[in-house]
Amino acid sequence: MQTEFSDFFGYAAATLTTVAFVPQAWQSWTTRDLSGISLPMYSLFTAGVAFWLIYGISINSMPVMLANGVTLVLAATVLWLKILAKA
């Protein structure tokens, strides 16, 4: 019962933090204006999210895996667009 209760908060946190990231990724994708995006910050953020995903896999935590899997795709997209904009 305790695990189910804590998973509720894990899924809630995963949903909120992942959904909060969608507008940035959408705006970056549609406008291709990445002038306000910091390449070092997004590089570190994307690497951090990848490590969170690895951690979630290692502890077999579905909320951590789902949130960071989706966020990694979104962050990597923004990072890739930023790299392309710099080229």
PDB file of N, CA and C in Angstrom:
ATOM      1  N   MET A   1       0.820  -1.191   0.000  1.00  0.00           N
ATOM      2  CA  MET A   1       0.000   0.000   0.000  1.00  0.00           C
ATOM      3  C   MET A   1       0.871   1.265   0.000  1.00  0.00           C
ATOM      4  N   GLN A   2       1.968   1.246   0.765  1.00  0.00           N
ATOM      5  CA  GLN A   2       2.859   2.406   0.840  1.00  0.00           C
ATOM      6  C   GLN A   2       3.467   2.727  -0.514  1.00  0.00           C
ATOM      7  N   THR A   3       3.865   1.683  -1.258  1.00  0.00           N
ATOM      8  CA  THR A   3       4.460   1.898  -2.571  1.00  0.00           C
ATOM      9  C   THR A   3       3.463   2.539  -3.513  1.00  0.00           C
ATOM     10  N   GLU A   4       2.212   2.106  -3.510  1.00  0.00           N
ATOM     11  CA  GLU A   4       1.193   2.693  -4.367  1.00  0.00           C
ATOM     12  C   GLU A   4       0.980   4.169  -4.034  1.00  0.00           C
ATOM     13  N   PHE A   5       0.991   4.504  -2.749  1.00  0.00           N
ATOM     14  CA  PHE A   5       0.796   5.888  -2.318  1.00  0.00           C
ATOM     15  C   PHE A   5       1.968   6.761  -2.769  1.00  0.00           C
ATOM     16  N   SER A   6       3.183   6.276  -2.614  1.00  0.00           N
ATOM     17  CA  SER A   6       4.342   7.062  -3.033  1.00  0.00           C
ATOM     18  C   SER A   6       4.417   7.144  -4.556  1.00  0.00           C
ATOM     19  N   ASP A   7       3.986   6.087  -5.251  1.00  0.00           N
ATOM     20  CA  ASP A   7       3.953   6.143  -6.715  1.00  0.00           C
ATOM     21  C   ASP A   7       2.990   7.218  -7.208  1.00  0.00           C
ATOM     22  N   PHE A   8       1.899   7.442  -6.483  1.00  0.00           N
ATOM     23  CA  PHE A   8       0.963   8.505  -6.863  1.00  0.00           C
ATOM     24  C   PHE A   8       1.704   9.836  -6.945  1.00  0.00           C
ATOM     25  N   PHE A   9       2.506  10.145  -5.940  1.00  0.00           N
ATOM     26  CA  PHE A   9       3.268  11.398  -5.943  1.00  0.00           C
ATOM     27  C   PHE A   9       4.344  11.385  -7.023  1.00  0.00           C
ATOM     28  N   GLY A  10       4.928  10.233  -7.275  1.00  0.00           N
ATOM     29  CA  GLY A  10       5.917  10.117  -8.341  1.00  0.00           C
ATOM     30  C   GLY A  10       5.307  10.389  -9.705  1.00  0.00           C
ATOM     31  N   TYR A  11       4.144   9.820  -9.966  1.00  0.00           N
ATOM     32  CA  TYR A  11       3.475  10.058 -11.247  1.00  0.00           C
ATOM     33  C   TYR A  11       3.001  11.502 -11.363  1.00  0.00           C
ATOM     34  N   ALA A  12       2.517  12.072 -10.254  1.00  0.00           N
ATOM     35  CA  ALA A  12       2.087  13.480 -10.274  1.00  0.00           C
ATOM     36  C   ALA A  12       3.276  14.391 -10.581  1.00  0.00           C
ATOM     37  N   ALA A  13       4.398  14.158  -9.915  1.00  0.00           N
ATOM     38  CA  ALA A  13       5.600  14.960 -10.158  1.00  0.00           C
ATOM     39  C   ALA A  13       6.090  14.762 -11.589  1.00  0.00           C
ATOM     40  N   ALA A  14       6.084  13.534 -12.069  1.00  0.00           N
ATOM     41  CA  ALA A  14       6.521  13.243 -13.428  1.00  0.00           C
ATOM     42  C   ALA A  14       5.652  13.972 -14.444  1.00  0.00           C
ATOM     43  N   THR A  15       4.358  13.944 -14.238  1.00  0.00           N
ATOM     44  CA  THR A  15       3.435  14.614 -15.156  1.00  0.00           C
ATOM     45  C   THR A  15       3.664  16.117 -15.162  1.00  0.00           C
ATOM     46  N   LEU A  16       3.734  16.722 -13.988  1.00  0.00           N
ATOM     47  CA  LEU A  16       3.885  18.178 -13.904  1.00  0.00           C
ATOM     48  C   LEU A  16       5.206  18.652 -14.502  1.00  0.00           C
ATOM     49  N   THR A  17       6.298  18.004 -14.144  1.00  0.00           N
ATOM     50  CA  THR A  17       7.599  18.482 -14.635  1.00  0.00           C
ATOM     51  C   THR A  17       7.767  18.224 -16.134  1.00  0.00           C
ATOM     52  N   THR A  18       7.200  17.151 -16.626  1.00  0.00           N
ATOM     53  CA  THR A  18       7.309  16.867 -18.059  1.00  0.00           C
ATOM     54  C   THR A  18       6.413  17.789 -18.866  1.00  0.00           C
ATOM     55  N   VAL A  19       5.179  17.959 -18.434  1.00  0.00           N
ATOM     56  CA  VAL A  19       4.244  18.838 -19.141  1.00  0.00           C
ATOM     57  C   VAL A  19       4.749  20.276 -19.115  1.00  0.00           C
ATOM     58  N   ALA A  20       5.389  20.695 -18.032  1.00  0.00           N
ATOM     59  CA  ALA A  20       5.920  22.057 -17.945  1.00  0.00           C
ATOM     60  C   ALA A  20       6.996  22.313 -18.995  1.00  0.00           C
ATOM     61  N   PHE A  21       7.640  21.274 -19.458  1.00  0.00           N
ATOM     62  CA  PHE A  21       8.707  21.416 -20.433  1.00  0.00           C
ATOM     63  C   PHE A  21       8.184  21.496 -21.866  1.00  0.00           C
ATOM     64  N   VAL A  22       6.984  21.014 -22.117  1.00  0.00           N
ATOM     65  CA  VAL A  22       6.429  20.951 -23.473  1.00  0.00           C
ATOM     66  C   VAL A  22       6.356  22.314 -24.159  1.00  0.00           C
ATOM     67  N   PRO A  23       5.892  23.392 -23.506  1.00  0.00           N
ATOM     68  CA  PRO A  23       5.811  24.676 -24.213  1.00  0.00           C
ATOM     69  C   PRO A  23       7.150  25.167 -24.764  1.00  0.00           C
ATOM     70  N   GLN A  24       8.223  24.966 -24.028  1.00  0.00           N
ATOM     71  CA  GLN A  24       9.544  25.388 -24.506  1.00  0.00           C
ATOM     72  C   GLN A  24       9.943  24.596 -25.739  1.00  0.00           C
ATOM     73  N   ALA A  25       9.746  23.298 -25.686  1.00  0.00           N
ATOM     74  CA  ALA A  25      10.095  22.452 -26.830  1.00  0.00           C
ATOM     75  C   ALA A  25       9.220  22.808 -28.034  1.00  0.00           C
ATOM     76  N   TRP A  26       7.934  23.022 -27.807  1.00  0.00           N
ATOM     77  CA  TRP A  26       7.017  23.366 -28.905  1.00  0.00           C
ATOM     78  C   TRP A  26       7.392  24.705 -29.541  1.00  0.00           C
ATOM     79  N   GLN A  27       7.653  25.697 -28.718  1.00  0.00           N
ATOM     80  CA  GLN A  27       8.019  27.018 -29.245  1.00  0.00           C
ATOM     81  C   GLN A  27       9.336  26.946 -30.011  1.00  0.00           C
ATOM     82  N   SER A  28      10.289  26.217 -29.483  1.00  0.00           N
ATOM     83  CA  SER A  28      11.576  26.069 -30.163  1.00  0.00           C
ATOM     84  C   SER A  28      11.396  25.379 -31.512  1.00  0.00           C
ATOM     85  N   TRP A  29      10.554  24.367 -31.545  1.00  0.00           N
ATOM     86  CA  TRP A  29      10.327  23.616 -32.771  1.00  0.00           C
ATOM     87  C   TRP A  29       9.602  24.453 -33.821  1.00  0.00           C
ATOM     88  N   THR A  30       8.549  25.164 -33.393  1.00  0.00           N
ATOM     89  CA  THR A  30       7.727  25.882 -34.365  1.00  0.00           C
ATOM     90  C   THR A  30       8.365  27.176 -34.852  1.00  0.00           C
ATOM     91  N   THR A  31       9.051  27.902 -33.984  1.00  0.00           N
ATOM     92  CA  THR A  31       9.618  29.195 -34.378  1.00  0.00           C
ATOM     93  C   THR A  31      11.062  29.086 -34.850  1.00  0.00           C
ATOM     94  N   ARG A  32      11.744  28.039 -34.415  1.00  0.00           N
ATOM     95  CA  ARG A  32      13.170  27.870 -34.687  1.00  0.00           C
ATOM     96  C   ARG A  32      13.997  29.042 -34.142  1.00  0.00           C
ATOM     97  N   ASP A  33      13.388  29.805 -33.241  1.00  0.00           N
ATOM     98  CA  ASP A  33      14.101  30.901 -32.576  1.00  0.00           C
ATOM     99  C   ASP A  33      14.656  30.375 -31.268  1.00  0.00           C
ATOM    100  N   LEU A  34      15.926  30.136 -31.236  1.00  0.00           N
ATOM    101  CA  LEU A  34      16.584  29.602 -30.046  1.00  0.00           C
ATOM    102  C   LEU A  34      17.573  30.597 -29.469  1.00  0.00           C
ATOM    103  N   SER A  35      17.380  31.868 -29.795  1.00  0.00           N
ATOM    104  CA  SER A  35      18.315  32.898 -29.342  1.00  0.00           C
ATOM    105  C   SER A  35      18.345  33.023 -27.818  1.00  0.00           C
ATOM    106  N   GLY A  36      17.263  32.691 -27.171  1.00  0.00           N
ATOM    107  CA  GLY A  36      17.218  32.780 -25.714  1.00  0.00           C
ATOM    108  C   GLY A  36      17.622  31.505 -25.010  1.00  0.00           C
ATOM    109  N   ILE A  37      18.066  30.517 -25.757  1.00  0.00           N
ATOM    110  CA  ILE A  37      18.445  29.217 -25.201  1.00  0.00           C
ATOM    111  C   ILE A  37      19.960  29.177 -25.003  1.00  0.00           C
ATOM    112  N   SER A  38      20.379  28.799 -23.821  1.00  0.00           N
ATOM    113  CA  SER A  38      21.796  28.680 -23.504  1.00  0.00           C
ATOM    114  C   SER A  38      22.277  27.280 -23.867  1.00  0.00           C
ATOM    115  N   LEU A  39      23.239  27.201 -24.786  1.00  0.00           N
ATOM    116  CA  LEU A  39      23.783  25.903 -25.197  1.00  0.00           C
ATOM    117  C   LEU A  39      24.430  25.152 -24.026  1.00  0.00           C
ATOM    118  N   PRO A  40      25.267  25.803 -23.209  1.00  0.00           N
ATOM    119  CA  PRO A  40      25.843  25.066 -22.067  1.00  0.00           C
ATOM    120  C   PRO A  40      24.772  24.564 -21.094  1.00  0.00           C
ATOM    121  N   MET A  41      23.773  25.399 -20.810  1.00  0.00           N
ATOM    122  CA  MET A  41      22.723  24.989 -19.873  1.00  0.00           C
ATOM    123  C   MET A  41      21.951  23.805 -20.425  1.00  0.00           C
ATOM    124  N   TYR A  42      21.551  23.849 -21.693  1.00  0.00           N
ATOM    125  CA  TYR A  42      20.780  22.752 -22.270  1.00  0.00           C
ATOM    126  C   TYR A  42      21.622  21.492 -22.416  1.00  0.00           C
ATOM    127  N   SER A  43      22.901  21.638 -22.651  1.00  0.00           N
ATOM    128  CA  SER A  43      23.780  20.471 -22.707  1.00  0.00           C
ATOM    129  C   SER A  43      23.830  19.783 -21.346  1.00  0.00           C
ATOM    130  N   LEU A  44      24.041  20.564 -20.305  1.00  0.00           N
ATOM    131  CA  LEU A  44      24.083  20.003 -18.952  1.00  0.00           C
ATOM    132  C   LEU A  44      22.727  19.427 -18.542  1.00  0.00           C
ATOM    133  N   PHE A  45      21.658  20.142 -18.858  1.00  0.00           N
ATOM    134  CA  PHE A  45      20.313  19.687 -18.514  1.00  0.00           C
ATOM    135  C   PHE A  45      20.002  18.356 -19.194  1.00  0.00           C
ATOM    136  N   THR A  46      20.306  18.258 -20.484  1.00  0.00           N
ATOM    137  CA  THR A  46      20.019  17.032 -21.224  1.00  0.00           C
ATOM    138  C   THR A  46      20.832  15.866 -20.679  1.00  0.00           C
ATOM    139  N   ALA A  47      22.094  16.101 -20.367  1.00  0.00           N
ATOM    140  CA  ALA A  47      22.920  15.052 -19.759  1.00  0.00           C
ATOM    141  C   ALA A  47      22.354  14.646 -18.401  1.00  0.00           C
ATOM    142  N   GLY A  48      21.925  15.614 -17.603  1.00  0.00           N
ATOM    143  CA  GLY A  48      21.341  15.316 -16.296  1.00  0.00           C
ATOM    144  C   GLY A  48      20.076  14.482 -16.413  1.00  0.00           C
ATOM    145  N   VAL A  49      19.232  14.812 -17.366  1.00  0.00           N
ATOM    146  CA  VAL A  49      17.998  14.050 -17.588  1.00  0.00           C
ATOM    147  C   VAL A  49      18.337  12.625 -18.021  1.00  0.00           C
ATOM    148  N   ALA A  50      19.355  12.475 -18.870  1.00  0.00           N
ATOM    149  CA  ALA A  50      19.780  11.132 -19.284  1.00  0.00           C
ATOM    150  C   ALA A  50      20.243  10.317 -18.069  1.00  0.00           C
ATOM    151  N   PHE A  51      20.977  10.958 -17.178  1.00  0.00           N
ATOM    152  CA  PHE A  51      21.415  10.254 -15.965  1.00  0.00           C
ATOM    153  C   PHE A  51      20.235   9.915 -15.054  1.00  0.00           C
ATOM    154  N   TRP A  52      19.246  10.801 -14.961  1.00  0.00           N
ATOM    155  CA  TRP A  52      18.039  10.496 -14.189  1.00  0.00           C
ATOM    156  C   TRP A  52      17.315   9.293 -14.785  1.00  0.00           C
ATOM    157  N   LEU A  53      17.269   9.217 -16.110  1.00  0.00           N
ATOM    158  CA  LEU A  53      16.645   8.071 -16.761  1.00  0.00           C
ATOM    159  C   LEU A  53      17.395   6.790 -16.421  1.00  0.00           C
ATOM    160  N   ILE A  54      18.712   6.831 -16.501  1.00  0.00           N
ATOM    161  CA  ILE A  54      19.523   5.660 -16.143  1.00  0.00           C
ATOM    162  C   ILE A  54      19.277   5.273 -14.687  1.00  0.00           C
ATOM    163  N   TYR A  55      19.213   6.263 -13.827  1.00  0.00           N
ATOM    164  CA  TYR A  55      18.934   5.998 -12.409  1.00  0.00           C
ATOM    165  C   TYR A  55      17.561   5.351 -12.239  1.00  0.00           C
ATOM    166  N   GLY A  56      16.551   5.901 -12.922  1.00  0.00           N
ATOM    167  CA  GLY A  56      15.211   5.325 -12.839  1.00  0.00           C
ATOM    168  C   GLY A  56      15.175   3.884 -13.290  1.00  0.00           C
ATOM    169  N   ILE A  57      15.918   3.584 -14.354  1.00  0.00           N
ATOM    170  CA  ILE A  57      16.000   2.204 -14.829  1.00  0.00           C
ATOM    171  C   ILE A  57      16.678   1.323 -13.786  1.00  0.00           C
ATOM    172  N   SER A  58      17.744   1.842 -13.174  1.00  0.00           N
ATOM    173  CA  SER A  58      18.495   1.033 -12.205  1.00  0.00           C
ATOM    174  C   SER A  58      17.695   0.728 -10.941  1.00  0.00           C
ATOM    175  N   ILE A  59      16.782   1.621 -10.569  1.00  0.00           N
ATOM    176  CA  ILE A  59      15.951   1.356  -9.377  1.00  0.00           C
ATOM    177  C   ILE A  59      14.561   0.855  -9.762  1.00  0.00           C
ATOM    178  N   ASN A  60      14.343   0.662 -11.068  1.00  0.00           N
ATOM    179  CA  ASN A  60      13.076   0.158 -11.581  1.00  0.00           C
ATOM    180  C   ASN A  60      11.892   1.011 -11.127  1.00  0.00           C
ATOM    181  N   SER A  61      12.037   2.327 -11.281  1.00  0.00           N
ATOM    182  CA  SER A  61      10.977   3.256 -10.892  1.00  0.00           C
ATOM    183  C   SER A  61      10.291   3.788 -12.139  1.00  0.00           C
ATOM    184  N   MET A  62       9.076   3.307 -12.378  1.00  0.00           N
ATOM    185  CA  MET A  62       8.348   3.700 -13.572  1.00  0.00           C
ATOM    186  C   MET A  62       8.114   5.210 -13.653  1.00  0.00           C
ATOM    187  N   PRO A  63       7.735   5.908 -12.555  1.00  0.00           N
ATOM    188  CA  PRO A  63       7.557   7.366 -12.670  1.00  0.00           C
ATOM    189  C   PRO A  63       8.833   8.083 -13.103  1.00  0.00           C
ATOM    190  N   VAL A  64       9.963   7.673 -12.557  1.00  0.00           N
ATOM    191  CA  VAL A  64      11.237   8.304 -12.901  1.00  0.00           C
ATOM    192  C   VAL A  64      11.607   7.986 -14.352  1.00  0.00           C
ATOM    193  N   MET A  65      11.383   6.752 -14.758  1.00  0.00           N
ATOM    194  CA  MET A  65      11.705   6.365 -16.136  1.00  0.00           C
ATOM    195  C   MET A  65      10.819   7.097 -17.141  1.00  0.00           C
ATOM    196  N   LEU A  66       9.527   7.150 -16.892  1.00  0.00           N
ATOM    197  CA  LEU A  66       8.615   7.802 -17.830  1.00  0.00           C
ATOM    198  C   LEU A  66       8.898   9.298 -17.947  1.00  0.00           C
ATOM    199  N   ALA A  67       8.996   9.960 -16.812  1.00  0.00           N
ATOM    200  CA  ALA A  67       9.213  11.412 -16.831  1.00  0.00           C
ATOM    201  C   ALA A  67      10.505  11.761 -17.544  1.00  0.00           C
ATOM    202  N   ASN A  68      11.557  11.059 -17.217  1.00  0.00           N
ATOM    203  CA  ASN A  68      12.850  11.402 -17.788  1.00  0.00           C
ATOM    204  C   ASN A  68      13.015  10.891 -19.211  1.00  0.00           C
ATOM    205  N   GLY A  69      12.331   9.840 -19.567  1.00  0.00           N
ATOM    206  CA  GLY A  69      12.355   9.384 -20.951  1.00  0.00           C
ATOM    207  C   GLY A  69      11.719  10.404 -21.876  1.00  0.00           C
ATOM    208  N   VAL A  70      10.537  10.890 -21.504  1.00  0.00           N
ATOM    209  CA  VAL A  70       9.849  11.895 -22.318  1.00  0.00           C
ATOM    210  C   VAL A  70      10.627  13.210 -22.304  1.00  0.00           C
ATOM    211  N   THR A  71      11.065  13.640 -21.120  1.00  0.00           N
ATOM    212  CA  THR A  71      11.797  14.899 -21.022  1.00  0.00           C
ATOM    213  C   THR A  71      13.109  14.832 -21.793  1.00  0.00           C
ATOM    214  N   LEU A  72      13.755  13.675 -21.807  1.00  0.00           N
ATOM    215  CA  LEU A  72      14.994  13.526 -22.566  1.00  0.00           C
ATOM    216  C   LEU A  72      14.743  13.744 -24.059  1.00  0.00           C
ATOM    217  N   VAL A  73      13.664  13.218 -24.575  1.00  0.00           N
ATOM    218  CA  VAL A  73      13.337  13.422 -25.991  1.00  0.00           C
ATOM    219  C   VAL A  73      13.113  14.909 -26.267  1.00  0.00           C
ATOM    220  N   LEU A  74      12.340  15.561 -25.396  1.00  0.00           N
ATOM    221  CA  LEU A  74      12.062  16.988 -25.587  1.00  0.00           C
ATOM    222  C   LEU A  74      13.325  17.829 -25.458  1.00  0.00           C
ATOM    223  N   ALA A  75      14.116  17.577 -24.424  1.00  0.00           N
ATOM    224  CA  ALA A  75      15.337  18.353 -24.202  1.00  0.00           C
ATOM    225  C   ALA A  75      16.352  18.116 -25.315  1.00  0.00           C
ATOM    226  N   ALA A  76      16.474  16.876 -25.751  1.00  0.00           N
ATOM    227  CA  ALA A  76      17.416  16.567 -26.825  1.00  0.00           C
ATOM    228  C   ALA A  76      16.994  17.248 -28.126  1.00  0.00           C
ATOM    229  N   THR A  77      15.687  17.362 -28.347  1.00  0.00           N
ATOM    230  CA  THR A  77      15.194  18.062 -29.538  1.00  0.00           C
ATOM    231  C   THR A  77      15.589  19.523 -29.503  1.00  0.00           C
ATOM    232  N   VAL A  78      15.354  20.181 -28.361  1.00  0.00           N
ATOM    233  CA  VAL A  78      15.722  21.591 -28.224  1.00  0.00           C
ATOM    234  C   VAL A  78      17.234  21.754 -28.355  1.00  0.00           C
ATOM    235  N   LEU A  79      17.991  20.867 -27.734  1.00  0.00           N
ATOM    236  CA  LEU A  79      19.452  20.933 -27.819  1.00  0.00           C
ATOM    237  C   LEU A  79      19.912  20.768 -29.272  1.00  0.00           C
ATOM    238  N   TRP A  80      19.347  19.819 -29.986  1.00  0.00           N
ATOM    239  CA  TRP A  80      19.717  19.598 -31.381  1.00  0.00           C
ATOM    240  C   TRP A  80      19.399  20.831 -32.230  1.00  0.00           C
ATOM    241  N   LEU A  81      18.206  21.417 -32.008  1.00  0.00           N
ATOM    242  CA  LEU A  81      17.854  22.630 -32.740  1.00  0.00           C
ATOM    243  C   LEU A  81      18.830  23.763 -32.439  1.00  0.00           C
ATOM    244  N   LYS A  82      19.238  23.871 -31.185  1.00  0.00           N
ATOM    245  CA  LYS A  82      20.193  24.910 -30.798  1.00  0.00           C
ATOM    246  C   LYS A  82      21.538  24.677 -31.486  1.00  0.00           C
ATOM    247  N   ILE A  83      21.990  23.447 -31.503  1.00  0.00           N
ATOM    248  CA  ILE A  83      23.258  23.125 -32.161  1.00  0.00           C
ATOM    249  C   ILE A  83      23.173  23.447 -33.662  1.00  0.00           C
ATOM    250  N   LEU A  84      22.068  23.086 -34.283  1.00  0.00           N
ATOM    251  CA  LEU A  84      21.893  23.391 -35.703  1.00  0.00           C
ATOM    252  C   LEU A  84      21.857  24.899 -35.951  1.00  0.00           C
ATOM    253  N   ALA A  85      21.258  25.648 -35.034  1.00  0.00           N
ATOM    254  CA  ALA A  85      21.170  27.108 -35.180  1.00  0.00           C
ATOM    255  C   ALA A  85      22.550  27.746 -35.063  1.00  0.00           C
ATOM    256  N   LYS A  86      23.443  27.140 -34.289  1.00  0.00           N
ATOM    257  CA  LYS A  86      24.796  27.685 -34.105  1.00  0.00           C
ATOM    258  C   LYS A  86      25.675  27.414 -35.328  1.00  0.00           C
ATOM    259  N   ALA A  87      25.334  26.359 -36.078  1.00  0.00           N
ATOM    260  CA  ALA A  87      26.159  25.949 -37.228  1.00  0.00           C
ATOM    261  C   ALA A  87      25.997  26.896 -38.405  1.00  0.00           C
TER     262      ALA A  87
END
